[in-house]
Amino acid sequence: MNLSKLFSIKEIDISYSYGTAKADRKKITSSLDAKDIFHSLIEKSIEYKESFLLLVLNNSNEILGIKKISEGGITSTIVDIRLIFQTVLKAHGVGFIICHNHPSGKLEPSNADKHLTEKIKEGAQTLDLKLLDHLIITKESAFSFADEGIL
């Protein structure tokens, strides 16, 4: 084995940048606060393509950042939960809220939605993070897993 090749392996660089002053951070106090933020980000595409979004929070439920995890077609989007946890950890988040839209306008969570939520919840517990809610939004309304007591 050529040792010179082994030592040319680059160290992984992980960076974090946050520019919002504490006084300017918005605090999430209810599922409606989160719904309004998510809705504003996908308002133009909410009825024709499914998107999956992440809101990262500190211990005071102040927003550290938001990220679109995936964007799909009319009936689904693929969600790699590793990207969720990568983002939360990189942003030094403590809690997070996930959201996706149903272009069909139906608010009822599918079995796939419930399974994904449970998988993310289990992963969060392992990493000592808090999944605070999973919202399903449509143009006119929202469904909150937390408000419905199924989170």
Protein backbone atom coordinates (compact mmCIF):
# COMPACT_ATOMS: atom_id res chain seq x y z
CA MET A 1 0.00 0.00 0.00
CA ASN A 2 1.29 3.42 -0.96
CA LEU A 3 1.29 5.51 2.26
CA SER A 4 1.57 8.78 0.35
CA LYS A 5 -1.93 8.17 -1.02
CA LEU A 6 -3.26 7.46 2.47
CA PHE A 7 -1.95 10.76 3.79
CA SER A 8 -3.40 12.75 0.93
CA ILE A 9 -6.92 12.08 2.19
CA LYS A 10 -8.50 15.39 3.08
CA GLU A 11 -10.09 16.00 6.46
CA ILE A 12 -13.83 16.67 6.30
CA ASP A 13 -14.65 20.31 6.86
CA ILE A 14 -17.97 21.02 8.57
CA SER A 15 -18.98 24.66 8.69
CA TYR A 16 -21.77 26.53 10.37
CA SER A 17 -22.83 30.09 9.72
CA TYR A 18 -25.55 31.96 11.52
CA GLY A 19 -26.11 35.65 11.06
CA THR A 20 -29.37 36.49 12.82
CA ALA A 21 -29.07 38.38 16.09
CA LYS A 22 -30.86 36.81 19.05
CA ALA A 23 -33.20 39.80 19.30
CA ASP A 24 -34.32 39.22 15.68
CA ARG A 25 -35.06 35.50 15.98
CA LYS A 26 -38.70 34.49 15.59
CA LYS A 27 -40.04 32.20 18.29
CA ILE A 28 -42.42 29.33 17.51
CA THR A 29 -45.23 29.21 20.06
CA SER A 30 -47.77 27.04 18.23
CA SER A 31 -48.31 24.85 15.21
CA LEU A 32 -49.97 27.85 13.52
CA ASP A 33 -46.72 29.85 13.73
CA ALA A 34 -44.86 27.03 12.00
CA LYS A 35 -47.64 26.51 9.44
CA ASP A 36 -47.50 30.15 8.39
CA ILE A 37 -43.73 30.01 7.86
CA PHE A 38 -43.86 26.76 5.90
CA HIS A 39 -46.83 27.94 3.85
CA SER A 40 -45.06 31.14 2.82
CA LEU A 41 -42.09 29.14 1.50
CA ILE A 42 -44.05 26.84 -0.82
CA GLU A 43 -47.12 28.98 -1.46
CA LYS A 44 -46.62 29.07 -5.24
CA SER A 45 -46.22 25.30 -5.62
CA ILE A 46 -48.42 24.02 -2.78
CA GLU A 47 -51.10 22.64 -5.12
CA TYR A 48 -48.94 20.99 -7.76
CA LYS A 49 -45.83 19.44 -6.21
CA GLU A 50 -45.02 17.92 -2.86
CA SER A 51 -42.22 19.45 -0.79
CA PHE A 52 -40.69 18.39 2.53
CA LEU A 53 -39.34 21.14 4.79
CA LEU A 54 -37.45 21.39 8.06
CA LEU A 55 -37.50 24.14 10.69
CA VAL A 56 -34.57 24.00 13.14
CA LEU A 57 -35.02 25.45 16.63
CA ASN A 58 -32.89 26.20 19.67
CA ASN A 59 -33.88 25.28 23.23
CA SER A 60 -36.10 28.40 23.45
CA ASN A 61 -37.98 27.40 20.26
CA GLU A 62 -36.37 30.26 18.37
CA ILE A 63 -35.76 29.61 14.70
CA LEU A 64 -32.16 28.86 13.78
CA GLY A 65 -32.96 28.12 10.16
CA ILE A 66 -35.17 26.45 7.62
CA LYS A 67 -34.30 24.03 4.83
CA LYS A 68 -36.14 22.35 1.99
CA ILE A 69 -35.17 18.68 2.37
CA SER A 70 -36.81 17.49 -0.84
CA GLU A 71 -39.17 18.37 -3.64
CA GLY A 72 -41.04 15.80 -5.65
CA GLY A 73 -43.98 15.31 -7.91
CA ILE A 74 -47.73 15.56 -7.58
CA THR A 75 -48.18 12.65 -5.18
CA SER A 76 -44.90 12.17 -3.33
CA THR A 77 -41.38 13.26 -2.50
CA ILE A 78 -38.45 11.19 -1.30
CA VAL A 79 -37.18 12.05 2.17
CA ASP A 80 -33.71 10.99 3.28
CA ILE A 81 -33.90 11.33 7.06
CA ARG A 82 -30.13 11.53 7.30
CA LEU A 83 -30.34 14.97 5.67
CA ILE A 84 -32.76 16.07 8.39
CA PHE A 85 -30.43 15.06 11.20
CA GLN A 86 -27.37 16.38 9.38
CA THR A 87 -29.01 19.80 9.14
CA VAL A 88 -30.26 19.91 12.74
CA LEU A 89 -26.89 18.86 14.14
CA LYS A 90 -24.92 21.17 11.88
CA ALA A 91 -27.09 24.12 12.94
CA HIS A 92 -26.64 23.22 16.62
CA GLY A 93 -30.39 22.71 16.91
CA VAL A 94 -32.11 21.13 19.86
CA GLY A 95 -35.57 20.70 18.38
CA PHE A 96 -37.15 20.70 14.96
CA ILE A 97 -40.44 20.70 13.12
CA ILE A 98 -40.99 18.92 9.82
CA CYS A 99 -43.64 19.70 7.25
CA HIS A 100 -44.86 18.54 3.90
CA ASN A 101 -47.77 19.50 1.72
CA HIS A 102 -50.48 17.41 0.10
CA PRO A 103 -51.21 18.88 -3.34
CA SER A 104 -54.48 16.89 -3.34
CA GLY A 105 -55.81 19.12 -0.55
CA LYS A 106 -56.44 16.15 1.75
CA LEU A 107 -55.14 16.62 5.29
CA GLU A 108 -55.36 13.01 6.46
CA PRO A 109 -51.86 11.55 6.99
CA SER A 110 -51.14 8.47 4.92
CA ASN A 111 -49.65 5.30 6.38
CA ALA A 112 -46.36 6.34 4.75
CA ASP A 113 -46.59 9.73 6.52
CA LYS A 114 -47.16 8.02 9.87
CA HIS A 115 -44.31 5.55 9.32
CA LEU A 116 -41.88 8.30 8.31
CA THR A 117 -42.83 10.38 11.34
CA GLU A 118 -42.23 7.44 13.69
CA LYS A 119 -38.87 6.70 12.06
CA ILE A 120 -37.77 10.35 12.43
CA LYS A 121 -39.04 10.46 16.03
CA GLU A 122 -37.00 7.37 16.93
CA GLY A 123 -33.88 8.80 15.31
CA ALA A 124 -34.34 12.09 17.12
CA GLN A 125 -34.61 10.34 20.47
CA THR A 126 -31.38 8.45 19.77
CA LEU A 127 -29.61 11.76 19.07
CA ASP A 128 -31.22 13.53 22.06
CA LEU A 129 -33.14 15.87 19.76
CA LYS A 130 -36.81 16.83 19.95
CA LEU A 131 -39.18 16.31 17.04
CA LEU A 132 -41.78 18.88 18.10
CA ASP A 133 -44.29 18.45 15.27
CA HIS A 134 -44.97 17.17 11.78
CA LEU A 135 -47.32 19.35 9.80
CA ILE A 136 -49.22 18.47 6.66
CA ILE A 137 -50.32 21.63 4.91
CA THR A 138 -52.65 22.45 2.06
CA LYS A 139 -53.56 25.77 0.50
CA GLU A 140 -56.29 26.36 3.08
CA SER A 141 -55.47 24.35 6.19
CA ALA A 142 -53.03 22.24 8.18
CA PHE A 143 -52.85 19.00 10.14
CA SER A 144 -50.55 18.86 13.17
CA PHE A 145 -49.37 15.48 14.47
CA ALA A 146 -48.63 17.12 17.84
CA ASP A 147 -52.00 18.90 18.14
CA GLU A 148 -53.77 15.64 17.28
CA GLY A 149 -51.79 13.76 19.96
CA ILE A 150 -50.20 11.25 17.57
CA LEU A 151 -46.60 12.35 17.82
